[in-house]
All heavy atoms as atom14 arrays in JSON, in Angstrom:
{
  "sequence": "YTDLPGWEQWAVNITLICGAIAGVILTVAKTWPLLSRSIAVVNASAVL",
  "atom14_mask": [
    [1, 1, 1, 1, 1, 1, 1, 1, 1, 1, 1, 1, 0, 0],
    [1, 1, 1, 1, 1, 1, 1, 0, 0, 0, 0, 0, 0, 0],
    [1, 1, 1, 1, 1, 1, 1, 1, 0, 0, 0, 0, 0, 0],
    [1, 1, 1, 1, 1, 1, 1, 1, 0, 0, 0, 0, 0, 0],
    [1, 1, 1, 1, 1, 1, 1, 0, 0, 0, 0, 0, 0, 0],
    [1, 1, 1, 1, 0, 0, 0, 0, 0, 0, 0, 0, 0, 0],
    [1, 1, 1, 1, 1, 1, 1, 1, 1, 1, 1, 1, 1, 1],
    [1, 1, 1, 1, 1, 1, 1, 1, 1, 0, 0, 0, 0, 0],
    [1, 1, 1, 1, 1, 1, 1, 1, 1, 0, 0, 0, 0, 0],
    [1, 1, 1, 1, 1, 1, 1, 1, 1, 1, 1, 1, 1, 1],
    [1, 1, 1, 1, 1, 0, 0, 0, 0, 0, 0, 0, 0, 0],
    [1, 1, 1, 1, 1, 1, 1, 0, 0, 0, 0, 0, 0, 0],
    [1, 1, 1, 1, 1, 1, 1, 1, 0, 0, 0, 0, 0, 0],
    [1, 1, 1, 1, 1, 1, 1, 1, 0, 0, 0, 0, 0, 0],
    [1, 1, 1, 1, 1, 1, 1, 0, 0, 0, 0, 0, 0, 0],
    [1, 1, 1, 1, 1, 1, 1, 1, 0, 0, 0, 0, 0, 0],
    [1, 1, 1, 1, 1, 1, 1, 1, 0, 0, 0, 0, 0, 0],
    [1, 1, 1, 1, 1, 1, 0, 0, 0, 0, 0, 0, 0, 0],
    [1, 1, 1, 1, 0, 0, 0, 0, 0, 0, 0, 0, 0, 0],
    [1, 1, 1, 1, 1, 0, 0, 0, 0, 0, 0, 0, 0, 0],
    [1, 1, 1, 1, 1, 1, 1, 1, 0, 0, 0, 0, 0, 0],
    [1, 1, 1, 1, 1, 0, 0, 0, 0, 0, 0, 0, 0, 0],
    [1, 1, 1, 1, 0, 0, 0, 0, 0, 0, 0, 0, 0, 0],
    [1, 1, 1, 1, 1, 1, 1, 0, 0, 0, 0, 0, 0, 0],
    [1, 1, 1, 1, 1, 1, 1, 1, 0, 0, 0, 0, 0, 0],
    [1, 1, 1, 1, 1, 1, 1, 1, 0, 0, 0, 0, 0, 0],
    [1, 1, 1, 1, 1, 1, 1, 0, 0, 0, 0, 0, 0, 0],
    [1, 1, 1, 1, 1, 1, 1, 0, 0, 0, 0, 0, 0, 0],
    [1, 1, 1, 1, 1, 0, 0, 0, 0, 0, 0, 0, 0, 0],
    [1, 1, 1, 1, 1, 1, 1, 1, 1, 0, 0, 0, 0, 0],
    [1, 1, 1, 1, 1, 1, 1, 0, 0, 0, 0, 0, 0, 0],
    [1, 1, 1, 1, 1, 1, 1, 1, 1, 1, 1, 1, 1, 1],
    [1, 1, 1, 1, 1, 1, 1, 0, 0, 0, 0, 0, 0, 0],
    [1, 1, 1, 1, 1, 1, 1, 1, 0, 0, 0, 0, 0, 0],
    [1, 1, 1, 1, 1, 1, 1, 1, 0, 0, 0, 0, 0, 0],
    [1, 1, 1, 1, 1, 1, 0, 0, 0, 0, 0, 0, 0, 0],
    [1, 1, 1, 1, 1, 1, 1, 1, 1, 1, 1, 0, 0, 0],
    [1, 1, 1, 1, 1, 1, 0, 0, 0, 0, 0, 0, 0, 0],
    [1, 1, 1, 1, 1, 1, 1, 1, 0, 0, 0, 0, 0, 0],
    [1, 1, 1, 1, 1, 0, 0, 0, 0, 0, 0, 0, 0, 0],
    [1, 1, 1, 1, 1, 1, 1, 0, 0, 0, 0, 0, 0, 0],
    [1, 1, 1, 1, 1, 1, 1, 0, 0, 0, 0, 0, 0, 0],
    [1, 1, 1, 1, 1, 1, 1, 1, 0, 0, 0, 0, 0, 0],
    [1, 1, 1, 1, 1, 0, 0, 0, 0, 0, 0, 0, 0, 0],
    [1, 1, 1, 1, 1, 1, 0, 0, 0, 0, 0, 0, 0, 0],
    [1, 1, 1, 1, 1, 0, 0, 0, 0, 0, 0, 0, 0, 0],
    [1, 1, 1, 1, 1, 1, 1, 0, 0, 0, 0, 0, 0, 0],
    [1, 1, 1, 1, 1, 1, 1, 1, 0, 0, 0, 0, 0, 0]
  ],
  "atom14_positions": [
    [[-5.33, -21.42, -1.03], [-4.77, -22.8, -1.04], [-5.93, -23.77, -0.52], [-6.1, -23.78, 0.67], [-3.51, -22.86, -0.12], [-2.5, -21.83, -0.56], [-2.25, -20.68, 0.04], [-1.64, -22.15, -1.61], [-1.29, -19.78, -0.3], [-0.67, -21.38, -2.03], [-0.45, -20.11, -1.41], [0.46, -19.23, -1.84], [0.0, 0.0, 0.0], [0.0, 0.0, 0.0]],
    [[-6.49, -24.46, -1.47], [-7.54, -25.31, -0.99], [-7.16, -26.63, -0.54], [-7.99, -27.33, 0.01], [-8.56, -25.57, -2.31], [-7.77, -25.99, -3.32], [-9.19, -24.29, -2.57], [0.0, 0.0, 0.0], [0.0, 0.0, 0.0], [0.0, 0.0, 0.0], [0.0, 0.0, 0.0], [0.0, 0.0, 0.0], [0.0, 0.0, 0.0], [0.0, 0.0, 0.0]],
    [[-5.9, -26.96, -0.74], [-5.39, -28.33, -0.24], [-4.95, -28.33, 1.22], [-4.49, -29.3, 1.81], [-4.23, -28.87, -1.1], [-3.05, -27.87, -1.22], [-3.31, -26.72, -0.85], [-2.11, -28.38, -1.64], [0.0, 0.0, 0.0], [0.0, 0.0, 0.0], [0.0, 0.0, 0.0], [0.0, 0.0, 0.0], [0.0, 0.0, 0.0], [0.0, 0.0, 0.0]],
    [[-4.98, -27.09, 1.8], [-4.58, -26.97, 3.2], [-5.88, -27.28, 4.1], [-6.94, -26.85, 3.82], [-3.97, -25.64, 3.51], [-2.67, -25.27, 2.7], [-2.38, -23.86, 3.05], [-1.55, -26.24, 3.26], [0.0, 0.0, 0.0], [0.0, 0.0, 0.0], [0.0, 0.0, 0.0], [0.0, 0.0, 0.0], [0.0, 0.0, 0.0], [0.0, 0.0, 0.0]],
    [[-5.63, -27.63, 5.35], [-6.72, -27.7, 6.36], [-7.37, -26.32, 6.5], [-6.69, -25.31, 6.27], [-6.13, -28.27, 7.54], [-4.86, -28.9, 7.17], [-4.4, -28.13, 5.96], [0.0, 0.0, 0.0], [0.0, 0.0, 0.0], [0.0, 0.0, 0.0], [0.0, 0.0, 0.0], [0.0, 0.0, 0.0], [0.0, 0.0, 0.0], [0.0, 0.0, 0.0]],
    [[-8.58, -26.2, 7.02], [-9.24, -24.96, 7.29], [-8.5, -23.93, 8.08], [-8.45, -22.84, 7.59], [0.0, 0.0, 0.0], [0.0, 0.0, 0.0], [0.0, 0.0, 0.0], [0.0, 0.0, 0.0], [0.0, 0.0, 0.0], [0.0, 0.0, 0.0], [0.0, 0.0, 0.0], [0.0, 0.0, 0.0], [0.0, 0.0, 0.0], [0.0, 0.0, 0.0]],
    [[-7.89, -24.28, 9.09], [-7.3, -23.22, 10.03], [-6.01, -22.75, 9.24], [-5.65, -21.54, 9.38], [-6.95, -23.67, 11.39], [-5.83, -24.79, 11.4], [-6.05, -26.03, 11.31], [-4.42, -24.58, 11.59], [-4.87, -26.81, 11.49], [-3.82, -25.74, 11.48], [-3.74, -23.44, 11.74], [-2.45, -26.07, 11.59], [-2.34, -23.68, 11.91], [-1.78, -24.9, 11.85]],
    [[-5.36, -23.54, 8.51], [-4.16, -23.19, 7.78], [-4.48, -22.29, 6.64], [-3.82, -21.28, 6.28], [-3.28, -24.37, 7.3], [-2.59, -25.09, 8.44], [-1.72, -26.27, 7.94], [-1.79, -26.62, 6.77], [-1.13, -26.93, 8.72], [0.0, 0.0, 0.0], [0.0, 0.0, 0.0], [0.0, 0.0, 0.0], [0.0, 0.0, 0.0], [0.0, 0.0, 0.0]],
    [[-5.63, -22.51, 6.04], [-6.14, -21.68, 4.81], [-6.39, -20.29, 5.49], [-6.01, -19.23, 4.9], [-7.46, -22.19, 4.3], [-7.28, -23.41, 3.46], [-8.47, -24.07, 2.99], [-9.52, -23.5, 3.3], [-8.38, -25.1, 2.17], [0.0, 0.0, 0.0], [0.0, 0.0, 0.0], [0.0, 0.0, 0.0], [0.0, 0.0, 0.0], [0.0, 0.0, 0.0]],
    [[-6.99, -20.17, 6.66], [-7.29, -18.95, 7.25], [-5.91, -18.18, 7.56], [-5.79, -17.05, 7.39], [-8.14, -19.12, 8.51], [-9.58, -19.23, 8.18], [-10.19, -20.38, 8.24], [-10.47, -18.16, 7.88], [-11.56, -20.14, 7.87], [-11.67, -18.83, 7.52], [-10.45, -16.74, 7.67], [-12.92, -18.24, 7.28], [-11.6, -16.16, 7.27], [-12.68, -16.76, 7.17]],
    [[-5.0, -18.86, 8.1], [-3.67, -18.3, 8.5], [-2.98, -17.81, 7.32], [-2.45, -16.7, 7.28], [-2.94, -19.42, 9.21], [0.0, 0.0, 0.0], [0.0, 0.0, 0.0], [0.0, 0.0, 0.0], [0.0, 0.0, 0.0], [0.0, 0.0, 0.0], [0.0, 0.0, 0.0], [0.0, 0.0, 0.0], [0.0, 0.0, 0.0], [0.0, 0.0, 0.0]],
    [[-3.01, -18.55, 6.18], [-2.34, -18.15, 4.93], [-3.1, -16.85, 4.39], [-2.4, -15.91, 4.02], [-2.42, -19.3, 3.92], [-1.98, -18.66, 2.51], [-1.37, -20.31, 4.39], [0.0, 0.0, 0.0], [0.0, 0.0, 0.0], [0.0, 0.0, 0.0], [0.0, 0.0, 0.0], [0.0, 0.0, 0.0], [0.0, 0.0, 0.0], [0.0, 0.0, 0.0]],
    [[-4.39, -16.94, 4.45], [-5.08, -15.87, 3.83], [-4.86, -14.47, 4.83], [-4.71, -13.39, 4.25], [-6.58, -16.0, 3.79], [-6.95, -16.96, 2.65], [-6.3, -16.78, 1.64], [-7.9, -17.7, 2.74], [0.0, 0.0, 0.0], [0.0, 0.0, 0.0], [0.0, 0.0, 0.0], [0.0, 0.0, 0.0], [0.0, 0.0, 0.0], [0.0, 0.0, 0.0]],
    [[-4.85, -14.63, 6.11], [-4.72, -13.51, 7.04], [-3.25, -12.96, 6.66], [-2.94, -11.78, 6.73], [-4.8, -13.91, 8.38], [-6.21, -14.4, 8.75], [-4.35, -12.87, 9.41], [-7.21, -13.2, 8.61], [0.0, 0.0, 0.0], [0.0, 0.0, 0.0], [0.0, 0.0, 0.0], [0.0, 0.0, 0.0], [0.0, 0.0, 0.0], [0.0, 0.0, 0.0]],
    [[-2.21, -13.87, 6.62], [-0.86, -13.42, 6.24], [-0.76, -12.66, 4.94], [-0.07, -11.59, 4.82], [0.1, -14.68, 6.11], [-0.05, -15.31, 7.59], [1.54, -14.35, 6.02], [0.0, 0.0, 0.0], [0.0, 0.0, 0.0], [0.0, 0.0, 0.0], [0.0, 0.0, 0.0], [0.0, 0.0, 0.0], [0.0, 0.0, 0.0], [0.0, 0.0, 0.0]],
    [[-1.46, -13.19, 3.95], [-1.55, -12.51, 2.71], [-2.04, -11.18, 2.72], [-1.62, -10.13, 2.12], [-2.17, -13.43, 1.59], [-1.41, -14.64, 1.21], [-2.27, -15.54, 0.27], [-0.05, -14.3, 0.51], [0.0, 0.0, 0.0], [0.0, 0.0, 0.0], [0.0, 0.0, 0.0], [0.0, 0.0, 0.0], [0.0, 0.0, 0.0], [0.0, 0.0, 0.0]],
    [[-3.28, -11.06, 3.49], [-3.88, -9.79, 3.7], [-3.1, -8.77, 4.33], [-2.84, -7.6, 4.07], [-5.2, -9.9, 4.37], [-6.15, -10.6, 3.5], [-5.86, -8.62, 4.85], [-7.46, -11.05, 4.13], [0.0, 0.0, 0.0], [0.0, 0.0, 0.0], [0.0, 0.0, 0.0], [0.0, 0.0, 0.0], [0.0, 0.0, 0.0], [0.0, 0.0, 0.0]],
    [[-2.33, -9.27, 5.5], [-1.46, -8.35, 6.24], [-0.28, -7.96, 5.4], [0.21, -6.83, 5.35], [-0.88, -9.06, 7.55], [-2.16, -9.32, 8.71], [0.0, 0.0, 0.0], [0.0, 0.0, 0.0], [0.0, 0.0, 0.0], [0.0, 0.0, 0.0], [0.0, 0.0, 0.0], [0.0, 0.0, 0.0], [0.0, 0.0, 0.0], [0.0, 0.0, 0.0]],
    [[0.24, -8.84, 4.44], [1.33, -8.59, 3.72], [0.92, -7.49, 2.55], [1.72, -6.57, 2.23], [0.0, 0.0, 0.0], [0.0, 0.0, 0.0], [0.0, 0.0, 0.0], [0.0, 0.0, 0.0], [0.0, 0.0, 0.0], [0.0, 0.0, 0.0], [0.0, 0.0, 0.0], [0.0, 0.0, 0.0], [0.0, 0.0, 0.0], [0.0, 0.0, 0.0]],
    [[-0.28, -7.64, 2.04], [-0.75, -6.68, 1.15], [-0.94, -5.29, 1.71], [-0.65, -4.22, 1.13], [-2.15, -7.12, 0.59], [0.0, 0.0, 0.0], [0.0, 0.0, 0.0], [0.0, 0.0, 0.0], [0.0, 0.0, 0.0], [0.0, 0.0, 0.0], [0.0, 0.0, 0.0], [0.0, 0.0, 0.0], [0.0, 0.0, 0.0], [0.0, 0.0, 0.0]],
    [[-1.49, -5.26, 3.0], [-1.6, -3.91, 3.59], [-0.35, -3.28, 3.94], [-0.02, -2.02, 3.66], [-2.41, -4.21, 5.01], [-3.85, -4.46, 4.72], [-2.32, -2.94, 5.79], [-4.72, -4.87, 5.83], [0.0, 0.0, 0.0], [0.0, 0.0, 0.0], [0.0, 0.0, 0.0], [0.0, 0.0, 0.0], [0.0, 0.0, 0.0], [0.0, 0.0, 0.0]],
    [[0.73, -4.12, 4.33], [2.0, -3.63, 4.55], [2.69, -3.12, 3.24], [3.42, -2.21, 3.22], [2.99, -4.68, 5.15], [0.0, 0.0, 0.0], [0.0, 0.0, 0.0], [0.0, 0.0, 0.0], [0.0, 0.0, 0.0], [0.0, 0.0, 0.0], [0.0, 0.0, 0.0], [0.0, 0.0, 0.0], [0.0, 0.0, 0.0], [0.0, 0.0, 0.0]],
    [[2.5, -3.83, 2.12], [2.96, -3.36, 0.88], [2.35, -2.16, 0.35], [3.02, -1.21, 0.01], [0.0, 0.0, 0.0], [0.0, 0.0, 0.0], [0.0, 0.0, 0.0], [0.0, 0.0, 0.0], [0.0, 0.0, 0.0], [0.0, 0.0, 0.0], [0.0, 0.0, 0.0], [0.0, 0.0, 0.0], [0.0, 0.0, 0.0], [0.0, 0.0, 0.0]],
    [[1.16, -1.91, 0.7], [0.46, -0.58, 0.43], [1.09, 0.39, 1.23], [1.36, 1.56, 0.76], [-1.13, -0.69, 0.56], [-1.74, 0.74, 0.5], [-1.73, -1.55, -0.49], [0.0, 0.0, 0.0], [0.0, 0.0, 0.0], [0.0, 0.0, 0.0], [0.0, 0.0, 0.0], [0.0, 0.0, 0.0], [0.0, 0.0, 0.0], [0.0, 0.0, 0.0]],
    [[1.21, 0.22, 2.61], [1.72, 1.26, 3.53], [3.2, 1.62, 3.04], [3.63, 2.81, 3.05], [1.75, 0.73, 4.83], [0.31, 0.66, 5.43], [2.6, 1.61, 5.79], [0.07, -0.02, 6.74], [0.0, 0.0, 0.0], [0.0, 0.0, 0.0], [0.0, 0.0, 0.0], [0.0, 0.0, 0.0], [0.0, 0.0, 0.0], [0.0, 0.0, 0.0]],
    [[3.93, 0.62, 2.71], [5.35, 0.86, 2.16], [5.38, 1.63, 0.98], [6.31, 2.45, 0.7], [6.26, -0.44, 2.13], [6.55, -1.07, 3.46], [7.1, -2.38, 3.27], [7.44, -0.02, 4.36], [0.0, 0.0, 0.0], [0.0, 0.0, 0.0], [0.0, 0.0, 0.0], [0.0, 0.0, 0.0], [0.0, 0.0, 0.0], [0.0, 0.0, 0.0]],
    [[4.53, 1.28, 0.03], [4.56, 1.99, -1.26], [4.11, 3.38, -1.14], [4.81, 4.34, -1.67], [3.55, 1.23, -2.24], [3.93, -0.1, -2.41], [3.52, 1.97, -3.56], [0.0, 0.0, 0.0], [0.0, 0.0, 0.0], [0.0, 0.0, 0.0], [0.0, 0.0, 0.0], [0.0, 0.0, 0.0], [0.0, 0.0, 0.0], [0.0, 0.0, 0.0]],
    [[3.21, 3.76, -0.24], [2.71, 5.16, -0.01], [3.87, 5.8, 0.62], [4.2, 7.03, 0.35], [1.47, 5.1, 0.78], [1.27, 6.53, 1.38], [0.27, 4.61, 0.02], [0.0, 0.0, 0.0], [0.0, 0.0, 0.0], [0.0, 0.0, 0.0], [0.0, 0.0, 0.0], [0.0, 0.0, 0.0], [0.0, 0.0, 0.0], [0.0, 0.0, 0.0]],
    [[4.55, 5.25, 1.56], [5.63, 5.88, 2.34], [6.82, 6.15, 1.4], [7.41, 7.24, 1.53], [6.22, 4.94, 3.49], [0.0, 0.0, 0.0], [0.0, 0.0, 0.0], [0.0, 0.0, 0.0], [0.0, 0.0, 0.0], [0.0, 0.0, 0.0], [0.0, 0.0, 0.0], [0.0, 0.0, 0.0], [0.0, 0.0, 0.0], [0.0, 0.0, 0.0]],
    [[7.17, 5.22, 0.43], [8.21, 5.52, -0.44], [7.81, 6.59, -1.59], [8.75, 7.38, -1.98], [8.63, 4.36, -1.23], [9.39, 3.34, -0.16], [9.87, 2.05, -1.05], [10.66, 1.21, -0.09], [11.06, 0.1, -0.7], [0.0, 0.0, 0.0], [0.0, 0.0, 0.0], [0.0, 0.0, 0.0], [0.0, 0.0, 0.0], [0.0, 0.0, 0.0]],
    [[6.53, 6.61, -1.91], [6.17, 7.64, -2.93], [5.63, 8.99, -2.35], [5.36, 9.78, -3.15], [5.01, 7.09, -3.85], [3.96, 6.78, -3.03], [5.5, 5.89, -4.62], [0.0, 0.0, 0.0], [0.0, 0.0, 0.0], [0.0, 0.0, 0.0], [0.0, 0.0, 0.0], [0.0, 0.0, 0.0], [0.0, 0.0, 0.0], [0.0, 0.0, 0.0]],
    [[5.61, 9.04, -1.03], [5.04, 10.33, -0.38], [5.87, 11.55, -0.75], [5.25, 12.53, -1.17], [4.92, 10.11, 1.07], [4.29, 11.24, 1.86], [4.9, 12.26, 2.51], [2.9, 11.46, 1.74], [3.94, 13.18, 2.93], [2.75, 12.79, 2.43], [1.8, 10.8, 1.2], [1.47, 13.29, 2.59], [0.49, 11.51, 1.38], [0.35, 12.57, 2.01]],
    [[7.13, 11.59, -0.79], [7.93, 12.68, -1.16], [7.6, 13.15, -2.68], [7.43, 14.29, -2.81], [9.46, 12.29, -1.03], [9.46, 11.24, -0.14], [8.05, 10.52, -0.28], [0.0, 0.0, 0.0], [0.0, 0.0, 0.0], [0.0, 0.0, 0.0], [0.0, 0.0, 0.0], [0.0, 0.0, 0.0], [0.0, 0.0, 0.0], [0.0, 0.0, 0.0]],
    [[7.51, 12.14, -3.49], [7.13, 12.51, -4.91], [5.81, 13.06, -4.98], [5.53, 14.17, -5.61], [7.3, 11.34, -5.89], [6.89, 11.55, -7.25], [7.77, 12.48, -7.97], [6.93, 10.14, -7.96], [0.0, 0.0, 0.0], [0.0, 0.0, 0.0], [0.0, 0.0, 0.0], [0.0, 0.0, 0.0], [0.0, 0.0, 0.0], [0.0, 0.0, 0.0]],
    [[4.87, 12.56, -4.23], [3.44, 12.98, -4.17], [3.34, 14.38, -3.6], [2.62, 15.28, -4.19], [2.59, 11.97, -3.44], [1.16, 12.42, -3.27], [0.48, 12.3, -4.66], [0.48, 11.38, -2.35], [0.0, 0.0, 0.0], [0.0, 0.0, 0.0], [0.0, 0.0, 0.0], [0.0, 0.0, 0.0], [0.0, 0.0, 0.0], [0.0, 0.0, 0.0]],
    [[4.09, 14.62, -2.62], [4.03, 16.02, -1.97], [4.66, 16.99, -2.88], [4.21, 18.17, -3.03], [4.73, 15.94, -0.63], [6.06, 15.69, -0.8], [0.0, 0.0, 0.0], [0.0, 0.0, 0.0], [0.0, 0.0, 0.0], [0.0, 0.0, 0.0], [0.0, 0.0, 0.0], [0.0, 0.0, 0.0], [0.0, 0.0, 0.0], [0.0, 0.0, 0.0]],
    [[5.74, 16.65, -3.66], [6.24, 17.58, -4.5], [5.45, 17.85, -5.68], [5.35, 19.0, -6.13], [7.76, 17.0, -5.08], [8.74, 17.28, -4.03], [10.19, 16.98, -4.69], [10.29, 15.62, -5.24], [10.94, 14.51, -4.75], [11.45, 14.63, -3.55], [10.92, 13.46, -5.48], [0.0, 0.0, 0.0], [0.0, 0.0, 0.0], [0.0, 0.0, 0.0]],
    [[4.69, 16.83, -6.14], [3.76, 16.99, -7.24], [2.66, 17.92, -6.85], [2.18, 18.85, -7.65], [3.27, 15.7, -7.64], [4.32, 14.8, -8.14], [0.0, 0.0, 0.0], [0.0, 0.0, 0.0], [0.0, 0.0, 0.0], [0.0, 0.0, 0.0], [0.0, 0.0, 0.0], [0.0, 0.0, 0.0], [0.0, 0.0, 0.0], [0.0, 0.0, 0.0]],
    [[2.23, 17.8, -5.67], [1.15, 18.61, -5.11], [1.63, 20.13, -5.05], [0.95, 21.09, -5.42], [0.58, 18.21, -3.77], [-0.19, 16.92, -4.07], [-0.28, 19.16, -3.11], [-0.5, 16.08, -2.79], [0.0, 0.0, 0.0], [0.0, 0.0, 0.0], [0.0, 0.0, 0.0], [0.0, 0.0, 0.0], [0.0, 0.0, 0.0], [0.0, 0.0, 0.0]],
    [[2.97, 20.25, -4.6], [3.45, 21.57, -4.54], [3.55, 22.31, -5.88], [3.4, 23.44, -6.15], [4.87, 21.54, -3.91], [0.0, 0.0, 0.0], [0.0, 0.0, 0.0], [0.0, 0.0, 0.0], [0.0, 0.0, 0.0], [0.0, 0.0, 0.0], [0.0, 0.0, 0.0], [0.0, 0.0, 0.0], [0.0, 0.0, 0.0], [0.0, 0.0, 0.0]],
    [[3.81, 21.47, -6.89], [4.05, 22.0, -8.26], [2.63, 22.45, -8.77], [2.48, 23.56, -9.45], [4.71, 21.0, -9.2], [4.51, 21.42, -10.63], [6.14, 20.8, -8.92], [0.0, 0.0, 0.0], [0.0, 0.0, 0.0], [0.0, 0.0, 0.0], [0.0, 0.0, 0.0], [0.0, 0.0, 0.0], [0.0, 0.0, 0.0], [0.0, 0.0, 0.0]],
    [[1.68, 21.68, -8.49], [0.33, 21.95, -8.93], [-0.1, 23.31, -8.19], [-0.81, 24.16, -8.81], [-0.64, 20.82, -8.7], [-2.14, 21.21, -8.87], [-0.33, 19.65, -9.56], [0.0, 0.0, 0.0], [0.0, 0.0, 0.0], [0.0, 0.0, 0.0], [0.0, 0.0, 0.0], [0.0, 0.0, 0.0], [0.0, 0.0, 0.0], [0.0, 0.0, 0.0]],
    [[0.06, 23.27, -6.92], [-0.32, 24.55, -6.09], [0.38, 25.72, -6.61], [-0.11, 26.88, -6.77], [-0.02, 24.28, -4.72], [-1.04, 23.36, -4.01], [-2.11, 23.26, -4.53], [-0.78, 22.9, -2.99], [0.0, 0.0, 0.0], [0.0, 0.0, 0.0], [0.0, 0.0, 0.0], [0.0, 0.0, 0.0], [0.0, 0.0, 0.0], [0.0, 0.0, 0.0]],
    [[1.69, 25.62, -7.0], [2.45, 26.76, -7.5], [1.88, 27.24, -8.86], [1.92, 28.43, -9.24], [3.96, 26.38, -7.5], [0.0, 0.0, 0.0], [0.0, 0.0, 0.0], [0.0, 0.0, 0.0], [0.0, 0.0, 0.0], [0.0, 0.0, 0.0], [0.0, 0.0, 0.0], [0.0, 0.0, 0.0], [0.0, 0.0, 0.0], [0.0, 0.0, 0.0]],
    [[1.64, 26.19, -9.66], [1.11, 26.64, -11.03], [-0.19, 27.28, -10.92], [-0.71, 28.03, -11.9], [1.02, 25.36, -11.95], [0.14, 24.5, -11.41], [0.0, 0.0, 0.0], [0.0, 0.0, 0.0], [0.0, 0.0, 0.0], [0.0, 0.0, 0.0], [0.0, 0.0, 0.0], [0.0, 0.0, 0.0], [0.0, 0.0, 0.0], [0.0, 0.0, 0.0]],
    [[-1.01, 27.07, -9.84], [-2.35, 27.7, -9.66], [-2.04, 29.21, -9.37], [-2.91, 30.01, -9.84], [-3.03, 27.04, -8.5], [0.0, 0.0, 0.0], [0.0, 0.0, 0.0], [0.0, 0.0, 0.0], [0.0, 0.0, 0.0], [0.0, 0.0, 0.0], [0.0, 0.0, 0.0], [0.0, 0.0, 0.0], [0.0, 0.0, 0.0], [0.0, 0.0, 0.0]],
    [[-1.06, 29.64, -8.74], [-0.92, 31.05, -8.46], [-0.09, 31.74, -9.54], [0.28, 32.92, -9.36], [-0.15, 31.22, -7.04], [-1.04, 30.81, -5.96], [1.25, 30.58, -7.08], [0.0, 0.0, 0.0], [0.0, 0.0, 0.0], [0.0, 0.0, 0.0], [0.0, 0.0, 0.0], [0.0, 0.0, 0.0], [0.0, 0.0, 0.0], [0.0, 0.0, 0.0]],
    [[0.52, 31.03, -10.52], [1.37, 31.52, -11.47], [0.75, 32.57, -12.4], [1.35, 33.56, -12.63], [1.88, 30.36, -12.43], [2.85, 30.76, -13.41], [4.13, 31.25, -12.73], [3.25, 29.51, -14.32], [0.0, 0.0, 0.0], [0.0, 0.0, 0.0], [0.0, 0.0, 0.0], [0.0, 0.0, 0.0], [0.0, 0.0, 0.0], [0.0, 0.0, 0.0]]
  ]
}
């Protein structure tokens, strides 16, 4: 946002970065069971 004063631009950018990090963490947390089951299937197929 270039029409905002300098400190507000920094605040908005920091908020967006924190939101992106939180989104990544939530996405990983929600997909973790699927990921662990997929890894278990791959490991099981290796000993098949």
